[in-house]
Amino acid sequence: MPVTIHDVAREAGLSINTISRALNGKPDVNAATRERVLATAHRLGYVPNQAARSMVTGRTGTVGLMVTDPANPIYARLLSGVEAVMRRAGYSLLLYNSGEDPAQEQAGVRSLRQSRVEGLLAVPAPGPPAGSTLAAAATELPVILMLRQVPDSPLDSAGWDNDAGARLAVQHLLALGHRAIGYVGQDLPVSSVRVRHAAYRAALVEASVSPRPEWEAHVRLAAAGAYTATGELLDRAPQLTALFVANDVLAPGVLAAVRRAGRRIPHDVSVVSFGDLDVAAYADPPLTTVHAPVREVATAAAERLLARIRQPELAAPGAPPWRFTAMPYLVVRESTGPAVTTTTPHLPGESP
């Protein structure tokens, strides 16, 4: 015989009304009581009748999570962080992949709306115009942007400081005496890519090193593409003593290409990346990288979405959008070391 709400109330020693309000995420139930109710319901194996619950409350207990590439390990971490918050709150997740395609993003919003999600967490697909579909969806339900910023967007958003993170990486190489520092990054028109690339160039300029297009390689997000592009980069710019790889997903291909070119890491070429995915710690050699605080961002975004669902007045007309920016930090491992020359030569275009 299925467990009913009456069974949960009896076991928890609370009224049916309190149990119902806790399970439905009502804001007038304190956190300790809600946790007690959820724990009791879980222990008893209580499964709410979602159809009946939705008819009574107008809620489905589901939220949407839209990503652009589920094969990207960063999204697995994002999903884990969001799911942990939603599970504690009694919500389920519906996942949708836009595939970096604005048309698929539109289709995803329609599908999730038809599933009557109560809110949406979304990594925006490239434009143009970026974020327009999500902005339109925000007129009907709470929407939180994640990881990528959309200029002048009125939507709430959460991410990390890509400018600060990329500068940490390049400044680490500069501090080790490197001046001929190459760049391997994505060829994708989104804010995270643009900002990391701009920060790489800015950090060089601030060190009186002139950025050079021939020191850069821009590829799709795949290790195979990074392998080929890095090999070509080292052929045309053999003077490079260090590489900033703007995404850990590219790093295995970069490391393999450096070794293929007969260069030792870090003795001949230092490599620093961005992300701190699992692949970084177990690379050969272990990869120096910028830690992207995915869990922190996922938690903040999910909690904000729950607050928006429970307190619609948080998005009152004229209210400024909520912004959450986590700070990345550098994790130094074995792929970076001092520049091999005892005195760093000045390159053409570099101030003495």
Protein backbone atom coordinates (compact mmCIF):
# COMPACT_ATOMS: atom_id res chain seq x y z
CA MET A 1 0.00 0.00 0.00
CA PRO A 2 1.53 3.38 -1.00
CA VAL A 3 2.66 5.79 1.70
CA THR A 4 0.33 8.77 2.05
CA ILE A 5 0.75 12.28 3.38
CA HIS A 6 -1.16 11.13 6.47
CA ASP A 7 1.59 8.57 7.14
CA VAL A 8 4.27 11.26 6.87
CA ALA A 9 2.33 13.55 9.23
CA ARG A 10 1.88 10.80 11.80
CA GLU A 11 5.54 9.76 11.66
CA ALA A 12 6.83 13.34 11.88
CA GLY A 13 4.35 14.33 14.60
CA LEU A 14 3.13 17.32 12.59
CA SER A 15 -0.16 18.38 11.08
CA ILE A 16 -1.09 17.47 7.51
CA ASN A 17 -1.21 21.18 6.71
CA THR A 18 2.39 21.66 7.90
CA ILE A 19 3.54 18.60 5.94
CA SER A 20 1.82 19.86 2.80
CA ARG A 21 3.26 23.36 3.12
CA ALA A 22 6.77 21.98 3.71
CA LEU A 23 6.58 19.62 0.74
CA ASN A 24 5.30 22.42 -1.47
CA GLY A 25 8.14 24.77 -0.48
CA LYS A 26 6.02 27.40 1.22
CA PRO A 27 8.19 30.19 2.70
CA ASP A 28 6.37 30.24 6.06
CA VAL A 29 7.84 26.85 7.02
CA ASN A 30 11.17 27.20 8.80
CA ALA A 31 14.23 25.40 7.48
CA ALA A 32 14.50 22.91 10.36
CA THR A 33 10.86 21.82 9.97
CA ARG A 34 11.22 21.52 6.19
CA GLU A 35 14.33 19.35 6.55
CA ARG A 36 12.51 17.19 9.11
CA VAL A 37 9.55 16.70 6.79
CA LEU A 38 11.70 15.94 3.76
CA ALA A 39 13.80 13.47 5.74
CA THR A 40 10.68 11.70 7.05
CA ALA A 41 9.11 11.56 3.59
CA HIS A 42 12.32 10.14 2.13
CA ARG A 43 12.66 7.54 4.88
CA LEU A 44 9.09 6.34 4.41
CA GLY A 45 9.39 6.34 0.62
CA TYR A 46 6.61 8.90 0.19
CA VAL A 47 6.03 9.88 -3.44
CA PRO A 48 3.65 12.82 -3.99
CA ASN A 49 0.95 12.54 -6.62
CA GLN A 50 2.39 15.22 -8.84
CA ALA A 51 -0.67 15.55 -11.07
CA ALA A 52 -3.01 16.08 -8.12
CA ARG A 53 -0.49 18.31 -6.39
CA SER A 54 -0.10 20.47 -9.48
CA MET A 55 -3.86 20.87 -9.88
CA VAL A 56 -4.22 22.07 -6.30
CA THR A 57 -1.10 24.23 -5.97
CA GLY A 58 -0.45 25.29 -9.55
CA ARG A 59 3.07 23.92 -9.08
CA THR A 60 4.84 20.92 -10.58
CA GLY A 61 7.88 20.71 -8.33
CA THR A 62 10.19 20.80 -11.35
CA VAL A 63 12.69 23.31 -12.72
CA GLY A 64 14.58 23.31 -16.00
CA LEU A 65 18.33 23.26 -16.51
CA MET A 66 19.53 24.15 -20.01
CA VAL A 67 23.16 23.59 -21.00
CA THR A 68 24.94 23.87 -24.33
CA ASP A 69 27.07 20.71 -24.39
CA PRO A 70 26.40 17.89 -21.89
CA ALA A 71 29.67 16.22 -22.92
CA ASN A 72 31.58 19.12 -21.35
CA PRO A 73 32.69 17.98 -17.86
CA ILE A 74 32.03 21.45 -16.46
CA TYR A 75 28.31 20.86 -16.98
CA ALA A 76 28.42 17.58 -15.07
CA ARG A 77 29.70 19.54 -12.07
CA LEU A 78 27.08 22.21 -12.66
CA LEU A 79 24.31 19.61 -12.79
CA SER A 80 25.53 17.98 -9.59
CA GLY A 81 25.57 21.27 -7.71
CA VAL A 82 22.14 22.38 -8.90
CA GLU A 83 20.60 18.98 -8.29
CA ALA A 84 21.84 18.87 -4.69
CA VAL A 85 20.09 22.15 -3.88
CA MET A 86 16.89 21.20 -5.68
CA ARG A 87 16.72 17.75 -4.10
CA ARG A 88 16.90 19.27 -0.62
CA ALA A 89 14.05 21.59 -1.56
CA GLY A 90 11.91 18.76 -2.96
CA TYR A 91 12.31 19.78 -6.60
CA SER A 92 13.18 17.67 -9.64
CA LEU A 93 15.28 18.75 -12.62
CA LEU A 94 14.48 18.56 -16.32
CA LEU A 95 17.67 18.77 -18.38
CA TYR A 96 17.78 20.17 -21.93
CA ASN A 97 20.74 20.48 -24.32
CA SER A 98 20.69 23.46 -26.69
CA GLY A 99 23.84 22.30 -28.51
CA GLU A 100 25.12 25.89 -28.84
CA ASP A 101 22.23 26.45 -31.26
CA PRO A 102 19.80 29.40 -30.76
CA ALA A 103 17.04 27.50 -32.58
CA GLN A 104 17.45 24.56 -30.24
CA GLU A 105 17.42 26.98 -27.33
CA GLN A 106 14.02 28.24 -28.50
CA ALA A 107 12.76 24.68 -28.85
CA GLY A 108 14.06 23.87 -25.39
CA VAL A 109 12.26 26.78 -23.79
CA ARG A 110 9.00 25.70 -25.48
CA SER A 111 9.47 22.12 -24.32
CA LEU A 112 10.24 23.08 -20.74
CA ARG A 113 7.30 25.49 -20.64
CA GLN A 114 5.01 22.71 -21.89
CA SER A 115 6.35 20.59 -19.02
CA ARG A 116 5.29 23.43 -16.71
CA VAL A 117 8.64 23.97 -15.03
CA GLU A 118 8.46 26.58 -12.28
CA GLY A 119 11.78 28.18 -13.19
CA LEU A 120 14.77 27.88 -15.50
CA LEU A 121 18.54 27.87 -15.04
CA ALA A 122 20.25 28.34 -18.38
CA VAL A 123 23.67 28.64 -19.99
CA PRO A 124 22.81 30.89 -22.95
CA ALA A 125 23.59 29.75 -26.48
CA PRO A 126 25.50 32.12 -28.78
CA GLY A 127 23.44 34.82 -30.50
CA PRO A 128 22.65 36.90 -32.23
CA PRO A 129 21.01 38.21 -30.22
CA ALA A 130 22.36 36.22 -27.27
CA GLY A 131 19.86 35.72 -24.49
CA SER A 132 16.81 37.03 -26.35
CA THR A 133 14.90 33.75 -26.10
CA LEU A 134 15.66 33.48 -22.40
CA ALA A 135 14.66 37.12 -21.82
CA ALA A 136 11.31 36.40 -23.47
CA ALA A 137 10.86 33.31 -21.29
CA ALA A 138 11.52 35.44 -18.22
CA THR A 139 8.22 37.24 -18.75
CA GLU A 140 6.48 33.97 -17.83
CA LEU A 141 8.75 32.33 -15.24
CA PRO A 142 11.93 33.02 -13.23
CA VAL A 143 15.11 32.63 -15.33
CA ILE A 144 18.69 32.67 -14.06
CA LEU A 145 21.60 32.86 -16.51
CA MET A 146 24.73 30.88 -15.65
CA LEU A 147 28.42 30.96 -16.60
CA ARG A 148 28.02 33.25 -19.62
CA GLN A 149 27.11 36.91 -19.40
CA VAL A 150 24.78 38.71 -21.80
CA PRO A 151 25.58 42.44 -22.03
CA ASP A 152 22.87 44.70 -20.55
CA SER A 153 20.65 41.72 -19.77
CA PRO A 154 17.87 42.39 -17.24
CA LEU A 155 18.05 38.75 -16.10
CA ASP A 156 19.62 37.47 -12.89
CA SER A 157 22.95 35.76 -13.49
CA ALA A 158 25.68 33.77 -11.76
CA GLY A 159 29.20 32.98 -12.90
CA TRP A 160 32.86 33.48 -12.08
CA ASP A 161 35.32 36.22 -12.95
CA ASN A 162 36.86 35.02 -16.23
CA ASP A 163 38.98 38.15 -16.54
CA ALA A 164 40.57 37.67 -13.12
CA GLY A 165 41.08 33.94 -13.72
CA ALA A 166 42.79 34.35 -17.09
CA ARG A 167 45.02 37.10 -15.71
CA LEU A 168 46.07 34.79 -12.85
CA ALA A 169 47.18 32.21 -15.40
CA VAL A 170 49.18 34.60 -17.60
CA GLN A 171 50.66 36.48 -14.64
CA HIS A 172 51.88 33.16 -13.21
CA LEU A 173 53.79 32.51 -16.44
CA LEU A 174 55.15 36.05 -16.53
CA ALA A 175 56.35 35.71 -12.93
CA LEU A 176 58.29 32.60 -13.98
CA GLY A 177 60.17 34.70 -16.54
CA HIS A 178 58.19 33.74 -19.65
CA ARG A 179 57.56 36.41 -22.26
CA ALA A 180 56.83 34.39 -25.42
CA ILE A 181 53.47 33.09 -24.20
CA GLY A 182 51.06 31.51 -26.67
CA TYR A 183 47.27 31.13 -26.43
CA VAL A 184 45.04 28.15 -27.27
CA GLY A 185 41.32 28.81 -26.86
CA GLN A 186 37.88 28.22 -28.25
CA ASP A 187 36.52 29.71 -31.44
CA LEU A 188 33.05 30.47 -30.07
CA PRO A 189 31.26 33.86 -29.85
CA VAL A 190 30.36 33.74 -26.14
CA SER A 191 31.37 35.96 -23.24
CA SER A 192 33.56 33.48 -21.37
CA VAL A 193 35.74 32.89 -24.45
CA ARG A 194 35.96 36.58 -25.36
CA VAL A 195 36.83 37.65 -21.83
CA ARG A 196 39.58 35.05 -21.30
CA HIS A 197 41.17 35.91 -24.65
CA ALA A 198 41.03 39.66 -23.93
CA ALA A 199 42.51 39.09 -20.46
CA TYR A 200 45.40 37.10 -21.93
CA ARG A 201 46.25 39.96 -24.24
CA ALA A 202 45.77 42.60 -21.55
CA ALA A 203 48.10 40.78 -19.14
CA LEU A 204 50.80 40.67 -21.80
CA VAL A 205 50.42 44.38 -22.58
CA GLU A 206 50.63 45.23 -18.88
CA ALA A 207 53.97 43.36 -18.81
CA SER A 208 55.16 45.37 -21.85
CA VAL A 209 54.85 42.37 -24.17
CA SER A 210 53.11 42.97 -27.47
CA PRO A 211 50.43 40.33 -28.24
CA ARG A 212 50.87 38.65 -31.59
CA PRO A 213 48.16 36.94 -33.65
CA GLU A 214 50.66 34.28 -34.77
CA TRP A 215 51.02 33.25 -31.11
CA GLU A 216 47.34 32.31 -30.91
CA ALA A 217 45.23 29.30 -31.93
CA HIS A 218 41.43 29.29 -31.87
CA VAL A 219 39.64 25.95 -32.14
CA ARG A 220 36.37 24.19 -31.42
CA LEU A 221 36.08 22.69 -27.94
CA ALA A 222 37.78 19.34 -28.57
CA ALA A 223 41.12 17.85 -27.61
CA ALA A 224 41.70 16.62 -31.18
CA GLY A 225 41.34 20.11 -32.61
CA ALA A 226 43.61 21.49 -29.91
CA TYR A 227 46.24 18.87 -30.75
CA THR A 228 46.35 19.86 -34.41
CA ALA A 229 46.20 23.60 -33.73
CA THR A 230 48.94 23.47 -31.08
CA GLY A 231 51.25 21.57 -33.41
CA GLU A 232 50.74 24.24 -36.07
CA LEU A 233 51.21 26.98 -33.47
CA LEU A 234 54.57 25.61 -32.33
CA ASP A 235 55.69 25.23 -35.97
CA ARG A 236 55.02 28.88 -36.78
CA ALA A 237 56.17 30.26 -33.41
CA PRO A 238 58.98 27.98 -32.19
CA GLN A 239 60.16 30.69 -29.78
CA LEU A 240 57.17 30.13 -27.49
CA THR A 241 58.22 28.99 -24.03
CA ALA A 242 54.73 28.87 -22.47
CA LEU A 243 51.10 28.36 -23.40
CA PHE A 244 47.89 29.58 -21.80
CA VAL A 245 45.13 27.08 -22.61
CA ALA A 246 41.79 28.78 -22.02
CA ASN A 247 39.83 25.59 -21.22
CA ASP A 248 40.88 22.33 -19.53
CA VAL A 249 38.95 20.34 -22.15
CA LEU A 250 41.57 21.42 -24.69
CA ALA A 251 44.54 20.64 -22.44
CA PRO A 252 45.06 16.92 -23.24
CA GLY A 253 45.42 17.76 -26.92
CA VAL A 254 47.80 20.61 -26.14
CA LEU A 255 50.02 18.49 -23.88
CA ALA A 256 50.18 15.73 -26.48
CA ALA A 257 51.10 18.19 -29.24
CA VAL A 258 53.88 19.74 -27.17
CA ARG A 259 55.40 16.30 -26.54
CA ARG A 260 54.95 15.36 -30.20
CA ALA A 261 56.97 18.45 -31.12
CA GLY A 262 59.84 17.12 -29.00
CA ARG A 263 59.38 19.68 -26.24
CA ARG A 264 59.56 18.82 -22.56
CA ILE A 265 56.91 20.08 -20.14
CA PRO A 266 57.70 22.29 -18.28
CA HIS A 267 61.45 22.47 -19.07
CA ASP A 268 60.95 23.65 -22.66
CA VAL A 269 57.29 24.74 -22.63
CA SER A 270 55.18 25.57 -19.59
CA VAL A 271 51.43 25.00 -19.84
CA VAL A 272 48.71 26.57 -17.68
CA SER A 273 45.01 26.01 -18.26
CA PHE A 274 41.57 27.09 -16.97
CA GLY A 275 38.90 25.00 -15.27
CA ASP A 276 40.56 22.58 -12.81
CA LEU A 277 38.58 19.61 -14.10
CA ASP A 278 39.53 16.10 -13.00
CA VAL A 279 41.67 15.72 -16.12
CA ALA A 280 43.99 18.45 -14.81
CA ALA A 281 45.11 16.65 -11.65
CA TYR A 282 45.76 13.38 -13.51
CA ALA A 283 47.39 14.78 -16.65
CA ASP A 284 51.01 13.96 -17.46
CA PRO A 285 52.45 16.09 -15.98
CA PRO A 286 49.73 17.25 -13.55
CA LEU A 287 48.37 20.49 -14.94
CA THR A 288 48.69 23.92 -13.41
CA THR A 289 45.26 25.45 -13.89
CA VAL A 290 42.81 28.08 -12.72
CA HIS A 291 40.10 26.59 -10.51
CA ALA A 292 36.63 27.54 -11.78
CA PRO A 293 34.27 27.53 -8.74
CA VAL A 294 31.47 25.60 -10.44
CA ARG A 295 29.86 24.23 -7.28
CA GLU A 296 29.72 27.68 -5.70
CA VAL A 297 28.04 29.15 -8.76
CA ALA A 298 25.61 26.23 -9.11
CA THR A 299 24.57 26.50 -5.47
CA ALA A 300 24.08 30.26 -5.59
CA ALA A 301 22.08 30.14 -8.83
CA ALA A 302 19.84 27.29 -7.64
CA GLU A 303 19.15 29.00 -4.32
CA ARG A 304 18.33 32.25 -6.10
CA LEU A 305 15.92 30.44 -8.41
CA LEU A 306 14.13 28.87 -5.43
CA ALA A 307 13.89 32.28 -3.80
CA ARG A 308 12.41 33.74 -6.98
CA ILE A 309 9.85 30.92 -7.18
CA ARG A 310 8.82 31.36 -3.56
CA GLN A 311 9.02 35.15 -3.50
CA PRO A 312 7.95 36.58 -6.88
CA GLU A 313 8.28 40.10 -5.48
CA LEU A 314 12.08 39.73 -5.73
CA ALA A 315 11.69 40.50 -9.44
CA ALA A 316 9.50 43.56 -9.00
CA PRO A 317 9.53 46.01 -11.94
CA GLY A 318 12.51 48.32 -11.69
CA ALA A 319 14.42 46.04 -9.33
CA PRO A 320 18.09 45.65 -10.38
CA PRO A 321 19.05 42.19 -11.61
CA TRP A 322 20.82 39.91 -9.14
CA ARG A 323 24.47 39.25 -9.94
CA PHE A 324 26.69 36.60 -8.38
CA THR A 325 30.38 36.46 -9.29
CA ALA A 326 32.67 33.87 -7.71
CA MET A 327 36.43 34.31 -7.72
CA PRO A 328 38.65 31.68 -9.36
CA TYR A 329 42.09 30.82 -8.00
CA LEU A 330 45.29 29.31 -9.35
CA VAL A 331 46.24 25.69 -8.59
CA VAL A 332 49.96 25.23 -9.25
CA ARG A 333 51.01 21.71 -10.23
CA GLU A 334 53.88 20.37 -12.35
CA SER A 335 53.23 21.71 -15.86
CA THR A 336 54.75 25.13 -15.25
CA GLY A 337 58.32 26.11 -14.42
CA PRO A 338 60.83 28.90 -14.91
CA ALA A 339 61.73 30.07 -18.38
CA VAL A 340 64.85 28.23 -19.51
CA THR A 341 66.96 31.33 -20.16
CA THR A 342 68.75 32.86 -17.18
CA THR A 343 68.11 36.32 -18.58
CA THR A 344 64.94 36.88 -20.52
CA PRO A 345 65.68 38.38 -23.97
CA HIS A 346 63.59 41.30 -25.13
CA LEU A 347 61.44 40.40 -28.08
CA PRO A 348 60.74 42.74 -30.98
CA GLY A 349 58.01 45.13 -29.93
CA GLU A 350 58.72 44.56 -26.19
CA SER A 351 59.93 47.42 -24.03
CA PRO A 352 63.31 46.87 -22.35
